[in-house]
Amino acid sequence: MNDLLPALIDLARQIQQIPAPPFGEQDRARFVLERMLQENLDECFMDELPNVYGCLRSVAASRPPLIVTAHLDTVFPPETDLRCRTAADRLEGPGIGDNSLGVAALFGLLWMLRQHAVRLPFDLWLIANSGEEGLGNLRGMKAVVDRFGGEVSAYVVLEGMALGYVYHRGTGVQRYHVGVHTPGGHPWGDPDVPSAIHILGNLIASLTALPLSAPPRTTLNIGRMGGGSGINVIASEAWMELDLRSESEDALRRLREQVLATIKKFQQPSVTIELRSLGERPAGELPATHPLVRLAKACLQHQGIAPILTSGSTDANLPLSRGYPAITLGITRGGAAHTLQEFIEIPPIRQGMAQLFELITRAGSL
């Protein structure tokens, strides 16, 4: 990997420089498609989402295809300053680890397979998908899984950071917009009229007091809120955005029922509270004893890295929720994800790509 590392870093930097906010991945997708065409993959195309597909055909496929995918999108709006800086042994820039390096690793894997003249027993699909971040709701990965279904050797999802972790459990997520509506009025002239902001504040206090199961790990978070129109106005509207997560679909369902019951307590004749879904991610799990998980652990151990089996909300949620073999792997270590100070460490990329190369070349035994 040593002689390929500079090219991989340079490609990650080029990808990082192209804005790819949620629902705005088109420019980055076109760049990736052009690079795939330059690599002379056997089949390259882009769908309407946009997902970008490239296939390395096997000369004698005896196994179902293997899917390796990395998400194109970032959390940053298009006007973000994307300047990238090299400092000592690390690279800093918004989205460099999540997930520019992950997308670049698709090409790094291809280069390594060709460098070592590897003949795989399956068609290898390299896919840069959309809709992983924010309210994308895994729309890109859903299209990928709808296309290939369960007739695959495995789904391997790449993230730029989190080297050493094997995500084999998908955390379920449900997201809601909660809106409170009242008649409003003047705080002095209409003292008995309820304030939407006051009601929302009390509702938040009640929701955050709900007991959360552990295990399975379950969380509740209110990430944004707002409302009102003036300091001397009884607020006629207020809102919040609610994020519910759990490793268990049953626990997530029970939490949602608790949320609905709590909201119902705040309903009054002059108060309307609406709950609108902003999206969801299904939960799923691949047993730790599954051959794919065991192989991923072994590949990390061969790099001198102690593997950590964990859960998370990634593109792997989709195939896992349907009972298909899937894991998410990291390429290097880093930090400050989703901030302007995001960074990746350069030296561990060698180990990250080596684990990926070994996993793919040994996947024919799954």
Protein backbone atom coordinates (compact mmCIF):
# COMPACT_ATOMS: atom_id res chain seq x y z
CA MET A 1 0.00 0.00 0.00
CA ASN A 2 2.95 2.33 0.59
CA ASP A 3 3.35 3.35 -3.05
CA LEU A 4 -0.43 3.77 -3.44
CA LEU A 5 -0.92 5.83 -0.28
CA PRO A 6 -0.06 9.26 -1.78
CA ALA A 7 -2.53 8.68 -4.63
CA LEU A 8 -5.21 7.61 -2.16
CA ILE A 9 -4.66 10.69 0.01
CA ASP A 10 -4.73 12.94 -3.04
CA LEU A 11 -8.00 11.39 -4.24
CA ALA A 12 -9.58 11.76 -0.79
CA ARG A 13 -8.61 15.42 -0.83
CA GLN A 14 -10.13 15.94 -4.29
CA ILE A 15 -13.39 14.31 -3.19
CA GLN A 16 -13.45 16.39 0.01
CA GLN A 17 -13.20 19.61 -2.01
CA ILE A 18 -16.53 18.96 -3.76
CA PRO A 19 -19.55 20.00 -1.65
CA ALA A 20 -21.96 17.11 -1.00
CA PRO A 21 -24.62 18.28 1.47
CA PRO A 22 -27.66 16.06 2.09
CA PHE A 23 -29.71 15.94 -1.12
CA GLY A 24 -26.90 17.80 -2.92
CA GLU A 25 -24.46 15.00 -3.80
CA GLN A 26 -24.73 15.37 -7.59
CA ASP A 27 -21.40 17.12 -8.27
CA ARG A 28 -19.44 14.68 -6.14
CA ALA A 29 -21.28 11.76 -7.72
CA ARG A 30 -20.38 12.97 -11.22
CA PHE A 31 -16.74 13.24 -10.19
CA VAL A 32 -16.73 9.68 -8.82
CA LEU A 33 -18.46 8.36 -11.95
CA GLU A 34 -15.83 9.99 -14.16
CA ARG A 35 -13.04 8.41 -12.08
CA MET A 36 -14.70 5.00 -12.32
CA LEU A 37 -14.89 5.36 -16.10
CA GLN A 38 -11.20 6.27 -16.17
CA GLU A 39 -10.47 3.09 -14.23
CA ASN A 40 -12.10 1.05 -17.02
CA LEU A 41 -14.41 -0.86 -14.73
CA ASP A 42 -16.63 -3.31 -16.55
CA GLU A 43 -19.87 -1.49 -15.82
CA CYS A 44 -20.27 2.09 -14.61
CA PHE A 45 -23.46 4.08 -14.22
CA MET A 46 -25.25 6.56 -11.97
CA ASP A 47 -28.87 6.33 -10.90
CA GLU A 48 -31.23 9.23 -10.12
CA LEU A 49 -30.57 9.39 -6.35
CA PRO A 50 -27.59 9.69 -7.17
CA ASN A 51 -25.73 6.44 -6.47
CA VAL A 52 -22.63 5.64 -8.53
CA TYR A 53 -21.95 2.01 -9.48
CA GLY A 54 -18.84 0.34 -10.88
CA CYS A 55 -18.24 -3.39 -11.31
CA LEU A 56 -15.03 -5.42 -11.43
CA ARG A 57 -16.21 -8.54 -13.22
CA SER A 58 -14.85 -11.94 -12.27
CA VAL A 59 -13.55 -14.07 -15.13
CA ALA A 60 -14.98 -17.16 -13.44
CA ALA A 61 -17.56 -16.14 -10.88
CA SER A 62 -18.51 -19.04 -8.64
CA ARG A 63 -19.97 -16.97 -5.81
CA PRO A 64 -22.67 -14.27 -5.58
CA PRO A 65 -21.46 -10.68 -6.01
CA LEU A 66 -19.86 -8.78 -3.14
CA ILE A 67 -20.90 -5.18 -2.53
CA VAL A 68 -18.49 -2.57 -1.14
CA THR A 69 -20.04 0.82 -0.61
CA ALA A 70 -19.28 4.23 0.94
CA HIS A 71 -21.59 7.21 1.28
CA LEU A 72 -20.99 10.36 -0.76
CA ASP A 73 -22.80 12.90 1.39
CA THR A 74 -21.58 15.03 4.29
CA VAL A 75 -23.36 17.03 7.01
CA PHE A 76 -22.03 20.38 5.77
CA PRO A 77 -24.05 22.97 3.80
CA PRO A 78 -22.76 23.92 0.33
CA GLU A 79 -21.29 27.27 1.47
CA THR A 80 -18.94 25.61 4.00
CA ASP A 81 -15.25 26.53 3.76
CA LEU A 82 -13.74 23.20 2.70
CA ARG A 83 -10.08 24.15 2.95
CA CYS A 84 -8.01 21.07 3.72
CA ARG A 85 -4.76 21.24 5.71
CA THR A 86 -1.93 18.80 6.28
CA ALA A 87 -0.53 18.98 9.81
CA ALA A 88 2.20 16.53 10.80
CA ASP A 89 0.77 13.05 10.20
CA ARG A 90 -2.81 14.07 9.78
CA LEU A 91 -5.14 15.67 7.26
CA GLU A 92 -7.73 18.21 8.44
CA GLY A 93 -10.87 19.40 6.67
CA PRO A 94 -14.66 19.19 6.91
CA GLY A 95 -15.81 15.77 5.73
CA ILE A 96 -12.33 14.37 5.08
CA GLY A 97 -13.01 11.36 7.30
CA ASP A 98 -16.79 11.22 6.97
CA ASN A 99 -16.70 10.20 4.28
CA SER A 100 -14.23 11.39 1.63
CA LEU A 101 -11.63 8.84 2.66
CA GLY A 102 -14.26 6.10 2.63
CA VAL A 103 -15.16 6.91 -0.98
CA ALA A 104 -11.49 7.14 -1.97
CA ALA A 105 -10.94 3.71 -0.37
CA LEU A 106 -13.20 2.17 -3.03
CA PHE A 107 -10.54 3.11 -5.57
CA GLY A 108 -7.69 2.17 -3.23
CA LEU A 109 -9.13 -1.32 -2.99
CA LEU A 110 -9.38 -1.56 -6.77
CA TRP A 111 -5.76 -0.44 -7.17
CA MET A 112 -4.53 -3.01 -4.65
CA LEU A 113 -6.45 -5.84 -6.31
CA ARG A 114 -4.94 -4.94 -9.67
CA GLN A 115 -1.48 -4.42 -8.22
CA HIS A 116 -1.51 -7.94 -6.82
CA ALA A 117 -3.31 -9.43 -9.87
CA VAL A 118 -6.02 -10.89 -7.66
CA ARG A 119 -8.72 -12.97 -9.30
CA LEU A 120 -11.86 -12.90 -7.23
CA PRO A 121 -14.48 -15.68 -7.30
CA PHE A 122 -17.27 -13.11 -7.48
CA ASP A 123 -18.17 -9.86 -9.21
CA LEU A 124 -17.08 -6.95 -7.03
CA TRP A 125 -19.40 -3.94 -7.04
CA LEU A 126 -17.91 -0.65 -5.87
CA ILE A 127 -20.69 1.80 -5.03
CA ALA A 128 -20.67 5.41 -3.83
CA ASN A 129 -24.14 5.95 -2.41
CA SER A 130 -26.19 8.95 -1.35
CA GLY A 131 -28.47 9.78 1.55
CA GLU A 132 -26.62 8.49 4.61
CA GLU A 133 -26.37 11.73 6.56
CA GLY A 134 -29.05 13.91 8.11
CA LEU A 135 -32.55 13.26 6.84
CA GLY A 136 -31.35 11.20 3.90
CA ASN A 137 -32.82 8.16 5.67
CA LEU A 138 -30.44 5.77 3.90
CA ARG A 139 -32.29 6.31 0.62
CA GLY A 140 -29.18 5.50 -1.40
CA MET A 141 -28.46 2.27 0.44
CA LYS A 142 -32.10 1.27 0.20
CA ALA A 143 -31.84 1.48 -3.58
CA VAL A 144 -28.63 -0.57 -3.51
CA VAL A 145 -30.22 -3.30 -1.40
CA ASP A 146 -33.40 -3.24 -3.48
CA ARG A 147 -31.22 -3.82 -6.56
CA PHE A 148 -29.10 -6.71 -5.23
CA GLY A 149 -31.27 -8.15 -2.47
CA GLY A 150 -30.01 -11.17 -0.58
CA GLU A 151 -28.23 -12.76 -3.53
CA VAL A 152 -24.86 -11.41 -2.42
CA SER A 153 -21.81 -12.74 -0.64
CA ALA A 154 -21.93 -9.73 1.69
CA TYR A 155 -22.41 -5.98 1.98
CA VAL A 156 -19.29 -4.19 3.24
CA VAL A 157 -19.79 -0.53 4.19
CA LEU A 158 -16.79 1.79 4.46
CA GLU A 159 -16.40 4.78 6.77
CA GLY A 160 -13.26 6.90 6.70
CA MET A 161 -12.74 6.77 10.45
CA ALA A 162 -13.40 4.15 13.19
CA LEU A 163 -10.52 1.83 12.27
CA GLY A 164 -10.61 -1.15 14.61
CA TYR A 165 -14.38 -1.24 14.97
CA VAL A 166 -16.63 -3.81 13.33
CA TYR A 167 -20.21 -2.57 13.21
CA HIS A 168 -22.32 -5.71 12.99
CA ARG A 169 -25.40 -4.36 14.78
CA GLY A 170 -27.50 -1.56 13.29
CA THR A 171 -29.00 0.95 15.70
CA GLY A 172 -32.64 1.69 14.90
CA VAL A 173 -33.56 5.38 14.60
CA GLN A 174 -36.88 7.23 14.49
CA ARG A 175 -36.98 11.02 14.02
CA TYR A 176 -39.91 13.36 14.53
CA HIS A 177 -40.94 16.99 14.24
CA VAL A 178 -43.15 17.92 17.19
CA GLY A 179 -45.23 21.07 16.73
CA VAL A 180 -47.27 22.84 19.44
CA HIS A 181 -50.02 25.25 18.37
CA THR A 182 -52.16 27.60 20.51
CA PRO A 183 -54.31 30.71 19.84
CA GLY A 184 -51.54 33.02 21.14
CA GLY A 185 -52.16 36.49 22.47
CA HIS A 186 -50.82 39.29 24.68
CA PRO A 187 -49.05 38.24 27.92
CA TRP A 188 -50.78 40.99 29.91
CA GLY A 189 -54.15 41.07 28.23
CA ASP A 190 -54.59 37.30 27.76
CA PRO A 191 -52.91 35.77 30.83
CA ASP A 192 -55.01 32.59 30.70
CA VAL A 193 -54.07 31.72 27.11
CA PRO A 194 -51.47 28.90 27.09
CA SER A 195 -48.09 29.60 25.51
CA ALA A 196 -46.83 27.08 22.97
CA ILE A 197 -43.29 27.66 24.24
CA HIS A 198 -44.26 27.02 27.86
CA ILE A 199 -46.03 23.81 26.87
CA LEU A 200 -43.08 22.69 24.75
CA GLY A 201 -40.69 23.35 27.64
CA ASN A 202 -42.76 21.25 30.03
CA LEU A 203 -43.12 18.55 27.39
CA ILE A 204 -39.34 18.44 26.91
CA ALA A 205 -38.84 18.08 30.67
CA SER A 206 -41.29 15.16 30.74
CA LEU A 207 -39.73 13.43 27.72
CA THR A 208 -36.18 13.70 29.04
CA ALA A 209 -37.37 12.16 32.34
CA LEU A 210 -38.59 8.99 30.60
CA PRO A 211 -36.70 5.84 31.70
CA LEU A 212 -34.50 4.42 28.93
CA SER A 213 -33.58 0.76 28.66
CA ALA A 214 -29.96 -0.38 28.85
CA PRO A 215 -29.40 -3.00 27.64
CA PRO A 216 -30.48 -2.78 24.92
CA ARG A 217 -28.98 0.67 24.67
CA THR A 218 -31.69 3.26 23.97
CA THR A 219 -31.43 7.06 23.70
CA LEU A 220 -33.68 10.09 23.34
CA ASN A 221 -32.38 13.44 22.09
CA ILE A 222 -33.94 16.80 21.25
CA GLY A 223 -31.56 18.29 18.74
CA ARG A 224 -33.32 21.48 17.67
CA MET A 225 -36.18 23.67 18.88
CA GLY A 226 -37.75 27.03 18.20
CA GLY A 227 -40.92 29.09 18.24
CA GLY A 228 -42.60 32.35 19.17
CA SER A 229 -42.64 35.68 17.38
CA GLY A 230 -41.75 38.28 20.04
CA ILE A 231 -40.81 38.83 23.66
CA ASN A 232 -44.19 40.36 24.48
CA VAL A 233 -46.26 37.78 22.59
CA ILE A 234 -47.80 34.58 23.95
CA ALA A 235 -46.31 32.10 21.54
CA SER A 236 -48.85 30.56 19.20
CA GLU A 237 -46.38 27.99 17.89
CA ALA A 238 -43.28 26.14 19.03
CA TRP A 239 -41.49 23.10 17.71
CA MET A 240 -38.70 20.62 18.35
CA GLU A 241 -36.93 17.81 16.51
CA LEU A 242 -36.77 14.52 18.36
CA ASP A 243 -34.34 11.65 17.75
CA LEU A 244 -35.07 8.19 19.24
CA ARG A 245 -32.53 5.35 18.98
CA SER A 246 -32.16 1.78 20.17
CA GLU A 247 -30.30 -1.41 19.40
CA SER A 248 -33.69 -3.19 19.65
CA GLU A 249 -36.72 -2.60 17.46
CA ASP A 250 -38.95 -3.64 20.37
CA ALA A 251 -37.30 -1.16 22.74
CA LEU A 252 -37.60 1.56 20.11
CA ARG A 253 -41.29 0.78 19.65
CA ARG A 254 -41.88 0.94 23.41
CA LEU A 255 -40.08 4.27 23.63
CA ARG A 256 -42.21 5.68 20.83
CA GLU A 257 -45.34 4.55 22.67
CA GLN A 258 -44.09 6.33 25.81
CA VAL A 259 -43.45 9.49 23.79
CA LEU A 260 -46.96 9.38 22.31
CA ALA A 261 -48.52 8.82 25.74
CA THR A 262 -46.54 11.75 27.18
CA ILE A 263 -47.59 14.06 24.35
CA LYS A 264 -51.22 13.07 24.87
CA LYS A 265 -51.08 14.34 28.47
CA PHE A 266 -50.33 17.85 27.20
CA GLN A 267 -53.27 18.02 24.80
CA GLN A 268 -55.84 20.67 25.80
CA PRO A 269 -58.98 22.06 24.10
CA SER A 270 -57.01 25.11 22.93
CA VAL A 271 -53.73 23.27 22.31
CA THR A 272 -52.82 21.12 19.31
CA ILE A 273 -49.69 18.99 19.29
CA GLU A 274 -48.70 17.31 16.04
CA LEU A 275 -46.12 14.59 15.57
CA ARG A 276 -44.68 14.30 12.06
CA SER A 277 -42.14 11.67 11.04
CA LEU A 278 -38.85 12.98 9.66
CA GLY A 279 -37.58 9.51 8.84
CA GLU A 280 -36.37 6.28 10.31
CA ARG A 281 -33.58 3.75 10.10
CA PRO A 282 -34.36 0.10 10.79
CA ALA A 283 -32.41 -1.94 13.32
CA GLY A 284 -30.74 -5.25 12.55
CA GLU A 285 -27.97 -7.54 13.70
CA LEU A 286 -25.47 -10.05 12.38
CA PRO A 287 -24.40 -12.51 15.09
CA ALA A 288 -20.85 -12.12 16.38
CA THR A 289 -20.32 -15.76 15.41
CA HIS A 290 -21.16 -15.15 11.74
CA PRO A 291 -18.26 -15.97 9.38
CA LEU A 292 -18.21 -12.39 8.02
CA VAL A 293 -17.78 -10.92 11.50
CA ARG A 294 -15.16 -13.50 12.41
CA LEU A 295 -13.25 -12.78 9.20
CA ALA A 296 -13.36 -9.02 9.86
CA LYS A 297 -11.94 -9.60 13.34
CA ALA A 298 -9.16 -11.79 11.99
CA CYS A 299 -8.18 -9.21 9.36
CA LEU A 300 -7.82 -6.54 12.05
CA GLN A 301 -5.85 -8.87 14.29
CA HIS A 302 -3.44 -9.55 11.42
CA GLN A 303 -2.75 -5.80 11.42
CA GLY A 304 -2.01 -5.81 15.16
CA ILE A 305 -5.33 -4.15 15.97
CA ALA A 306 -7.64 -5.49 18.67
CA PRO A 307 -11.11 -5.58 17.04
CA ILE A 308 -14.07 -3.99 18.80
CA LEU A 309 -17.51 -5.33 17.93
CA THR A 310 -20.10 -2.59 18.21
CA SER A 311 -23.41 -1.12 17.05
CA GLY A 312 -24.12 2.09 15.19
CA SER A 313 -26.36 3.81 12.71
CA THR A 314 -24.73 3.30 9.31
CA ASP A 315 -25.68 2.22 5.80
CA ALA A 316 -25.32 -1.37 7.01
CA ASN A 317 -28.63 -0.93 8.89
CA LEU A 318 -30.54 -1.50 5.68
CA PRO A 319 -29.20 -4.94 4.68
CA LEU A 320 -28.99 -6.03 8.34
CA SER A 321 -32.67 -5.20 8.85
CA ARG A 322 -33.52 -7.56 5.98
CA GLY A 323 -31.39 -10.39 7.31
CA TYR A 324 -28.53 -9.98 4.82
CA PRO A 325 -24.86 -10.27 5.89
CA ALA A 326 -23.39 -6.78 6.32
CA ILE A 327 -20.76 -4.96 8.35
CA THR A 328 -19.28 -1.47 8.50
CA LEU A 329 -15.50 -0.98 8.74
CA GLY A 330 -13.26 2.06 9.23
CA ILE A 331 -10.18 2.94 7.16
CA THR A 332 -8.23 5.01 9.67
CA ARG A 333 -8.51 6.84 12.97
CA GLY A 334 -9.55 10.46 13.32
CA GLY A 335 -11.64 12.89 15.29
CA ALA A 336 -13.86 16.00 15.46
CA ALA A 337 -16.32 14.40 13.04
CA HIS A 338 -19.09 16.69 11.75
CA THR A 339 -17.09 19.82 12.68
CA LEU A 340 -14.88 22.19 10.71
CA GLN A 341 -11.89 20.72 12.58
CA GLU A 342 -12.50 17.15 11.39
CA PHE A 343 -9.26 15.21 10.81
CA ILE A 344 -7.86 11.81 9.89
CA GLU A 345 -4.55 10.22 10.82
CA ILE A 346 -2.50 9.30 7.75
CA PRO A 347 -0.19 6.43 8.93
CA PRO A 348 -3.01 4.04 10.02
CA ILE A 349 -4.54 4.18 6.53
CA ARG A 350 -2.04 1.48 5.53
CA GLN A 351 -3.47 -0.86 8.15
CA GLY A 352 -7.04 0.08 7.25
CA MET A 353 -6.54 -0.67 3.58
CA ALA A 354 -4.65 -3.87 4.39
CA GLN A 355 -7.55 -5.16 6.50
CA LEU A 356 -9.98 -4.30 3.70
CA PHE A 357 -7.82 -5.98 1.04
CA GLU A 358 -7.53 -9.16 3.13
CA LEU A 359 -11.25 -9.20 3.87
CA ILE A 360 -12.20 -8.96 0.20
CA THR A 361 -9.62 -11.46 -0.99
CA ARG A 362 -10.71 -14.00 1.63
CA ALA A 363 -14.44 -13.38 1.28
CA GLY A 364 -14.76 -16.21 -1.24
CA SER A 365 -14.68 -18.62 1.69
CA LEU A 366 -17.78 -17.13 3.33
